[in-house]
Amino acid sequence: MISYEPFFQTMKEKKISSYELAKKGFPRSTYYAIKQGKSITTNTVDQLCSILHCEVSDIMKYIENK
């Protein structure tokens, strides 16, 4: 399973709100899809890494299903 918890932690650490992401061109609908744990494209991950100046591991992590 993919967890987006690192994304929300990165936003908190960098003091960036969802509103600021939207101002930088990141779609609110995609933000809410991430909040709901839905899948996102590698292009979306790339866009987030660019906006947040971070690594992929700062956006998501893999958690093994048991």
PDB file of N, CA and C in Angstrom:
ATOM      1  N   MET A   1       0.849  -1.174   0.000  1.00  0.00           N
ATOM      2  CA  MET A   1       0.000   0.000   0.000  1.00  0.00           C
ATOM      3  C   MET A   1       0.901   1.246   0.000  1.00  0.00           C
ATOM      4  N   ILE A   2       0.486   2.254  -0.702  1.00  0.00           N
ATOM      5  CA  ILE A   2       1.210   3.518  -0.741  1.00  0.00           C
ATOM      6  C   ILE A   2       0.587   4.484   0.267  1.00  0.00           C
ATOM      7  N   SER A   3       1.431   5.083   1.083  1.00  0.00           N
ATOM      8  CA  SER A   3       0.983   6.077   2.057  1.00  0.00           C
ATOM      9  C   SER A   3       1.510   7.449   1.634  1.00  0.00           C
ATOM     10  N   TYR A   4       0.655   8.437   1.736  1.00  0.00           N
ATOM     11  CA  TYR A   4       1.043   9.809   1.417  1.00  0.00           C
ATOM     12  C   TYR A   4       1.327  10.620   2.672  1.00  0.00           C
ATOM     13  N   GLU A   5       1.452   9.948   3.799  1.00  0.00           N
ATOM     14  CA  GLU A   5       1.747  10.642   5.053  1.00  0.00           C
ATOM     15  C   GLU A   5       3.015  11.503   4.955  1.00  0.00           C
ATOM     16  N   PRO A   6       4.074  11.023   4.271  1.00  0.00           N
ATOM     17  CA  PRO A   6       5.261  11.890   4.149  1.00  0.00           C
ATOM     18  C   PRO A   6       4.956  13.222   3.450  1.00  0.00           C
ATOM     19  N   PHE A   7       4.018  13.210   2.511  1.00  0.00           N
ATOM     20  CA  PHE A   7       3.635  14.437   1.803  1.00  0.00           C
ATOM     21  C   PHE A   7       3.081  15.472   2.777  1.00  0.00           C
ATOM     22  N   PHE A   8       2.186  15.047   3.644  1.00  0.00           N
ATOM     23  CA  PHE A   8       1.571  15.977   4.593  1.00  0.00           C
ATOM     24  C   PHE A   8       2.584  16.439   5.638  1.00  0.00           C
ATOM     25  N   GLN A   9       3.509  15.548   6.002  1.00  0.00           N
ATOM     26  CA  GLN A   9       4.574  15.925   6.928  1.00  0.00           C
ATOM     27  C   GLN A   9       5.511  16.947   6.272  1.00  0.00           C
ATOM     28  N   THR A  10       5.838  16.740   5.007  1.00  0.00           N
ATOM     29  CA  THR A  10       6.696  17.670   4.271  1.00  0.00           C
ATOM     30  C   THR A  10       6.027  19.031   4.155  1.00  0.00           C
ATOM     31  N   MET A  11       4.729  19.037   3.858  1.00  0.00           N
ATOM     32  CA  MET A  11       4.003  20.306   3.787  1.00  0.00           C
ATOM     33  C   MET A  11       4.075  21.035   5.127  1.00  0.00           C
ATOM     34  N   LYS A  12       3.888  20.291   6.201  1.00  0.00           N
ATOM     35  CA  LYS A  12       3.919  20.887   7.540  1.00  0.00           C
ATOM     36  C   LYS A  12       5.310  21.456   7.847  1.00  0.00           C
ATOM     37  N   GLU A  13       6.347  20.680   7.557  1.00  0.00           N
ATOM     38  CA  GLU A  13       7.726  21.112   7.819  1.00  0.00           C
ATOM     39  C   GLU A  13       8.089  22.355   7.015  1.00  0.00           C
ATOM     40  N   LYS A  14       7.602  22.421   5.779  1.00  0.00           N
ATOM     41  CA  LYS A  14       7.923  23.549   4.906  1.00  0.00           C
ATOM     42  C   LYS A  14       6.914  24.690   5.036  1.00  0.00           C
ATOM     43  N   LYS A  15       5.929  24.483   5.920  1.00  0.00           N
ATOM     44  CA  LYS A  15       4.890  25.487   6.176  1.00  0.00           C
ATOM     45  C   LYS A  15       4.180  25.925   4.897  1.00  0.00           C
ATOM     46  N   ILE A  16       3.763  24.920   4.118  1.00  0.00           N
ATOM     47  CA  ILE A  16       3.044  25.172   2.867  1.00  0.00           C
ATOM     48  C   ILE A  16       1.635  24.600   3.008  1.00  0.00           C
ATOM     49  N   SER A  17       0.645  25.427   2.762  1.00  0.00           N
ATOM     50  CA  SER A  17      -0.750  24.999   2.861  1.00  0.00           C
ATOM     51  C   SER A  17      -1.258  24.510   1.503  1.00  0.00           C
ATOM     52  N   SER A  18      -2.426  23.878   1.517  1.00  0.00           N
ATOM     53  CA  SER A  18      -3.034  23.448   0.255  1.00  0.00           C
ATOM     54  C   SER A  18      -3.372  24.659  -0.609  1.00  0.00           C
ATOM     55  N   TYR A  19      -3.698  25.761   0.028  1.00  0.00           N
ATOM     56  CA  TYR A  19      -3.978  26.998  -0.702  1.00  0.00           C
ATOM     57  C   TYR A  19      -2.732  27.464  -1.459  1.00  0.00           C
ATOM     58  N   GLU A  20      -1.577  27.401  -0.797  1.00  0.00           N
ATOM     59  CA  GLU A  20      -0.337  27.817  -1.464  1.00  0.00           C
ATOM     60  C   GLU A  20       0.023  26.876  -2.610  1.00  0.00           C
ATOM     61  N   LEU A  21      -0.256  25.582  -2.434  1.00  0.00           N
ATOM     62  CA  LEU A  21      -0.029  24.642  -3.538  1.00  0.00           C
ATOM     63  C   LEU A  21      -0.890  25.029  -4.738  1.00  0.00           C
ATOM     64  N   ALA A  22      -2.147  25.357  -4.479  1.00  0.00           N
ATOM     65  CA  ALA A  22      -3.063  25.748  -5.557  1.00  0.00           C
ATOM     66  C   ALA A  22      -2.575  27.017  -6.250  1.00  0.00           C
ATOM     67  N   LYS A  23      -2.059  27.961  -5.475  1.00  0.00           N
ATOM     68  CA  LYS A  23      -1.539  29.203  -6.065  1.00  0.00           C
ATOM     69  C   LYS A  23      -0.351  28.920  -6.978  1.00  0.00           C
ATOM     70  N   LYS A  24       0.365  27.816  -6.707  1.00  0.00           N
ATOM     71  CA  LYS A  24       1.527  27.453  -7.529  1.00  0.00           C
ATOM     72  C   LYS A  24       1.127  26.537  -8.681  1.00  0.00           C
ATOM     73  N   GLY A  25      -0.176  26.365  -8.883  1.00  0.00           N
ATOM     74  CA  GLY A  25      -0.664  25.602 -10.031  1.00  0.00           C
ATOM     75  C   GLY A  25      -0.996  24.156  -9.763  1.00  0.00           C
ATOM     76  N   PHE A  26      -0.953  23.725  -8.509  1.00  0.00           N
ATOM     77  CA  PHE A  26      -1.290  22.336  -8.196  1.00  0.00           C
ATOM     78  C   PHE A  26      -2.799  22.220  -8.012  1.00  0.00           C
ATOM     79  N   PRO A  27      -3.444  21.323  -8.778  1.00  0.00           N
ATOM     80  CA  PRO A  27      -4.909  21.221  -8.732  1.00  0.00           C
ATOM     81  C   PRO A  27      -5.435  20.799  -7.352  1.00  0.00           C
ATOM     82  N   ARG A  28      -6.441  21.512  -6.895  1.00  0.00           N
ATOM     83  CA  ARG A  28      -7.054  21.178  -5.601  1.00  0.00           C
ATOM     84  C   ARG A  28      -7.664  19.785  -5.640  1.00  0.00           C
ATOM     85  N   SER A  29      -8.220  19.418  -6.784  1.00  0.00           N
ATOM     86  CA  SER A  29      -8.834  18.090  -6.901  1.00  0.00           C
ATOM     87  C   SER A  29      -7.794  16.992  -6.678  1.00  0.00           C
ATOM     88  N   THR A  30      -6.591  17.198  -7.151  1.00  0.00           N
ATOM     89  CA  THR A  30      -5.527  16.219  -6.954  1.00  0.00           C
ATOM     90  C   THR A  30      -5.103  16.190  -5.491  1.00  0.00           C
ATOM     91  N   TYR A  31      -5.056  17.347  -4.866  1.00  0.00           N
ATOM     92  CA  TYR A  31      -4.722  17.416  -3.437  1.00  0.00           C
ATOM     93  C   TYR A  31      -5.733  16.599  -2.637  1.00  0.00           C
ATOM     94  N   TYR A  32      -7.023  16.765  -2.932  1.00  0.00           N
ATOM     95  CA  TYR A  32      -8.055  16.034  -2.200  1.00  0.00           C
ATOM     96  C   TYR A  32      -8.021  14.539  -2.525  1.00  0.00           C
ATOM     97  N   ALA A  33      -7.621  14.182  -3.737  1.00  0.00           N
ATOM     98  CA  ALA A  33      -7.457  12.765  -4.091  1.00  0.00           C
ATOM     99  C   ALA A  33      -6.338  12.148  -3.247  1.00  0.00           C
ATOM    100  N   ILE A  34      -5.259  12.886  -3.042  1.00  0.00           N
ATOM    101  CA  ILE A  34      -4.160  12.409  -2.203  1.00  0.00           C
ATOM    102  C   ILE A  34      -4.647  12.247  -0.765  1.00  0.00           C
ATOM    103  N   LYS A  35      -5.418  13.206  -0.289  1.00  0.00           N
ATOM    104  CA  LYS A  35      -5.957  13.127   1.077  1.00  0.00           C
ATOM    105  C   LYS A  35      -6.801  11.869   1.264  1.00  0.00           C
ATOM    106  N   GLN A  36      -7.475  11.445   0.206  1.00  0.00           N
ATOM    107  CA  GLN A  36      -8.322  10.255   0.271  1.00  0.00           C
ATOM    108  C   GLN A  36      -7.538   8.975  -0.013  1.00  0.00           C
ATOM    109  N   GLY A  37      -6.236   9.097  -0.282  1.00  0.00           N
ATOM    110  CA  GLY A  37      -5.394   7.929  -0.517  1.00  0.00           C
ATOM    111  C   GLY A  37      -5.510   7.333  -1.896  1.00  0.00           C
ATOM    112  N   LYS A  38      -6.056   8.091  -2.835  1.00  0.00           N
ATOM    113  CA  LYS A  38      -6.204   7.592  -4.202  1.00  0.00           C
ATOM    114  C   LYS A  38      -4.847   7.635  -4.908  1.00  0.00           C
ATOM    115  N   SER A  39      -4.732   6.884  -5.986  1.00  0.00           N
ATOM    116  CA  SER A  39      -3.464   6.837  -6.710  1.00  0.00           C
ATOM    117  C   SER A  39      -3.241   8.131  -7.500  1.00  0.00           C
ATOM    118  N   ILE A  40      -1.959   8.456  -7.679  1.00  0.00           N
ATOM    119  CA  ILE A  40      -1.576   9.632  -8.458  1.00  0.00           C
ATOM    120  C   ILE A  40      -0.528   9.218  -9.478  1.00  0.00           C
ATOM    121  N   THR A  41      -0.343  10.022 -10.485  1.00  0.00           N
ATOM    122  CA  THR A  41       0.611   9.702 -11.540  1.00  0.00           C
ATOM    123  C   THR A  41       2.026  10.133 -11.150  1.00  0.00           C
ATOM    124  N   THR A  42       2.985   9.602 -11.885  1.00  0.00           N
ATOM    125  CA  THR A  42       4.371  10.028 -11.653  1.00  0.00           C
ATOM    126  C   THR A  42       4.546  11.494 -12.034  1.00  0.00           C
ATOM    127  N   ASN A  43       3.750  11.981 -12.963  1.00  0.00           N
ATOM    128  CA  ASN A  43       3.801  13.406 -13.305  1.00  0.00           C
ATOM    129  C   ASN A  43       3.373  14.260 -12.115  1.00  0.00           C
ATOM    130  N   THR A  44       2.384  13.791 -11.372  1.00  0.00           N
ATOM    131  CA  THR A  44       1.930  14.505 -10.178  1.00  0.00           C
ATOM    132  C   THR A  44       3.020  14.504  -9.121  1.00  0.00           C
ATOM    133  N   VAL A  45       3.667  13.362  -8.933  1.00  0.00           N
ATOM    134  CA  VAL A  45       4.771  13.272  -7.972  1.00  0.00           C
ATOM    135  C   VAL A  45       5.891  14.228  -8.385  1.00  0.00           C
ATOM    136  N   ASP A  46       6.189  14.254  -9.667  1.00  0.00           N
ATOM    137  CA  ASP A  46       7.219  15.157 -10.189  1.00  0.00           C
ATOM    138  C   ASP A  46       6.854  16.615  -9.913  1.00  0.00           C
ATOM    139  N   GLN A  47       5.600  16.963 -10.145  1.00  0.00           N
ATOM    140  CA  GLN A  47       5.140  18.332  -9.906  1.00  0.00           C
ATOM    141  C   GLN A  47       5.260  18.702  -8.429  1.00  0.00           C
ATOM    142  N   LEU A  48       4.878  17.790  -7.550  1.00  0.00           N
ATOM    143  CA  LEU A  48       4.979  18.054  -6.117  1.00  0.00           C
ATOM    144  C   LEU A  48       6.429  18.210  -5.671  1.00  0.00           C
ATOM    145  N   CYS A  49       7.294  17.340  -6.178  1.00  0.00           N
ATOM    146  CA  CYS A  49       8.722  17.437  -5.832  1.00  0.00           C
ATOM    147  C   CYS A  49       9.294  18.773  -6.293  1.00  0.00           C
ATOM    148  N   SER A  50       8.866  19.232  -7.436  1.00  0.00           N
ATOM    149  CA  SER A  50       9.328  20.519  -7.962  1.00  0.00           C
ATOM    150  C   SER A  50       8.824  21.676  -7.097  1.00  0.00           C
ATOM    151  N   ILE A  51       7.561  21.648  -6.756  1.00  0.00           N
ATOM    152  CA  ILE A  51       6.976  22.727  -5.953  1.00  0.00           C
ATOM    153  C   ILE A  51       7.566  22.752  -4.545  1.00  0.00           C
ATOM    154  N   LEU A  52       7.710  21.565  -3.939  1.00  0.00           N
ATOM    155  CA  LEU A  52       8.158  21.476  -2.554  1.00  0.00           C
ATOM    156  C   LEU A  52       9.687  21.367  -2.414  1.00  0.00           C
ATOM    157  N   HIS A  53      10.377  21.253  -3.551  1.00  0.00           N
ATOM    158  CA  HIS A  53      11.843  21.090  -3.530  1.00  0.00           C
ATOM    159  C   HIS A  53      12.224  19.934  -2.616  1.00  0.00           C
ATOM    160  N   CYS A  54      11.709  18.743  -2.973  1.00  0.00           N
ATOM    161  CA  CYS A  54      11.941  17.574  -2.125  1.00  0.00           C
ATOM    162  C   CYS A  54      12.149  16.329  -2.987  1.00  0.00           C
ATOM    163  N   GLU A  55      12.366  15.213  -2.333  1.00  0.00           N
ATOM    164  CA  GLU A  55      12.550  13.914  -2.983  1.00  0.00           C
ATOM    165  C   GLU A  55      11.226  13.146  -3.007  1.00  0.00           C
ATOM    166  N   VAL A  56      11.170  12.115  -3.838  1.00  0.00           N
ATOM    167  CA  VAL A  56       9.968  11.281  -3.928  1.00  0.00           C
ATOM    168  C   VAL A  56       9.631  10.690  -2.550  1.00  0.00           C
ATOM    169  N   SER A  57      10.631  10.305  -1.792  1.00  0.00           N
ATOM    170  CA  SER A  57      10.388   9.720  -0.464  1.00  0.00           C
ATOM    171  C   SER A  57       9.773  10.722   0.504  1.00  0.00           C
ATOM    172  N   ASP A  58       9.816  12.008   0.170  1.00  0.00           N
ATOM    173  CA  ASP A  58       9.164  13.034   0.980  1.00  0.00           C
ATOM    174  C   ASP A  58       7.687  13.187   0.603  1.00  0.00           C
ATOM    175  N   ILE A  59       7.256  12.459  -0.425  1.00  0.00           N
ATOM    176  CA  ILE A  59       5.870  12.528  -0.905  1.00  0.00           C
ATOM    177  C   ILE A  59       5.093  11.269  -0.533  1.00  0.00           C
ATOM    178  N   MET A  60       5.742  10.111  -0.683  1.00  0.00           N
ATOM    179  CA  MET A  60       5.036   8.856  -0.428  1.00  0.00           C
ATOM    180  C   MET A  60       5.995   7.782   0.042  1.00  0.00           C
ATOM    181  N   LYS A  61       5.390   6.732   0.658  1.00  0.00           N
ATOM    182  CA  LYS A  61       6.188   5.574   1.062  1.00  0.00           C
ATOM    183  C   LYS A  61       5.352   4.327   0.901  1.00  0.00           C
ATOM    184  N   TYR A  62       6.046   3.228   0.757  1.00  0.00           N
ATOM    185  CA  TYR A  62       5.390   1.922   0.601  1.00  0.00           C
ATOM    186  C   TYR A  62       5.243   1.269   1.970  1.00  0.00           C
ATOM    187  N   ILE A  63       4.050   0.765   2.248  1.00  0.00           N
ATOM    188  CA  ILE A  63       3.790   0.007   3.464  1.00  0.00           C
ATOM    189  C   ILE A  63       3.279  -1.353   3.042  1.00  0.00           C
ATOM    190  N   GLU A  64       3.978  -2.386   3.449  1.00  0.00           N
ATOM    191  CA  GLU A  64       3.613  -3.745   3.049  1.00  0.00           C
ATOM    192  C   GLU A  64       2.284  -4.150   3.672  1.00  0.00           C
ATOM    193  N   ASN A  65       1.413  -4.738   2.844  1.00  0.00           N
ATOM    194  CA  ASN A  65       0.130  -5.266   3.336  1.00  0.00           C
ATOM    195  C   ASN A  65       0.398  -6.547   4.109  1.00  0.00           C
ATOM    196  N   LYS A  66      -0.340  -6.743   5.168  1.00  0.00           N
ATOM    197  CA  LYS A  66      -0.137  -7.967   5.976  1.00  0.00           C
ATOM    198  C   LYS A  66      -1.267  -8.931   5.802  1.00  0.00           C
TER     199      LYS A  66
END
